[in-house]
């Protein structure tokens, strides 16, 4: 099966692109070119596993995590080319979490095309004449194994840093933090997201939801920026504290990013979003915007929201009524302001770093997270 390469960064390929978009596109292309040419890819077998591994990679994400790693490295005086395998590693790490997250959320589309488990469910139906239940099991099995092997690939990619002159003890430190800190944090966030969807909204607090966001989304961005800072300074102990500041910056941005993502999941153009608007409501996601809306709206608005929250059988008209209630509550404006506050706090973390074009690009990266429309 031939996998087409898509271009998810349309804004970076249009006339009038900014210096930031040029910087993003340049680094994004380097990361994906590096992954496409990975010499060990022939070991990803059989074909369904191989194509599953490269499915989302061929669709091209925005590469925001590799970008913050490379810019963080350069902002403290490091060599971006030396750090390229680490940038590729965080993109693959992000990709395997998407593959597994799509199974958990039962999502059928990702970046405008079928998710891995959905694609191989359809494949099993047509190629092997399986029943729907058997085909769904096959699709899920392929997606689980795909994500597992992608996670293993991350460690191999980090190991390739030693081929670019990074000291072995530093490489080991990056691998251990990915395995021993990042992965548990992200899994905690994912598990909390699942558990919260089963809980009455009255039992949750805003602090609970923000903690979940910082784990589920902020943890990987934090790791990416920290990793870039460590590679840039060559100091695993981070004696000057640069990597720690960059990590806090990225974690705060990550929380803002997820808040914006939750807003887009309810308000964005479905064609740009690449998945059904309102799917978070059907899945029962306890997002901060829904939490705020339930506390600010009137009885009829609350009833409209609760009617669809966690109800996969809710109709389009019911979803529309819930979205109208959320919009009328003013919760979307609240969350927009909160996301801006997180980004403002994040940018403050960069103040001690020496001024440079890379520091400026980090500022622009933070603002880009809130300016996107999908």
Foldseek 3Di string as FASTA:
>chain_A
DDAAAADLLVQLVDPPRDPLSVLQVVLQVLLLVCVVVPPCLVVQDDPLLSCLLCNVSSPGDSLLLLLLLLLLLVLLAADSVLCSLLSNLLVLLVVLVVLVVCVVLVFQWDSQHGRQLNVQLVVCCPVVVDDSVVSSVRSNVSSNVSSVVSNVVSLVSLVCSVVSPQDPVLSVLLVCCVVPPLVVLQVVLSVLQLVQLVDDLVVDDPVSQLSSQLSNFLSSSLSSSLSSNCNNVVDSVCVVCSSVLSSLLSSLLRSLLVLLVLLLLADFDCNSNSGDRLSQQCCQGPHQLLSQLCVQFDPVLVCLSVVRRNHVPDDPVSSVSNSVSSVVSCSNVVSLVVSVVSNVVSLVSCVVGDDDVSNVSSNVSSVVSNVDRD
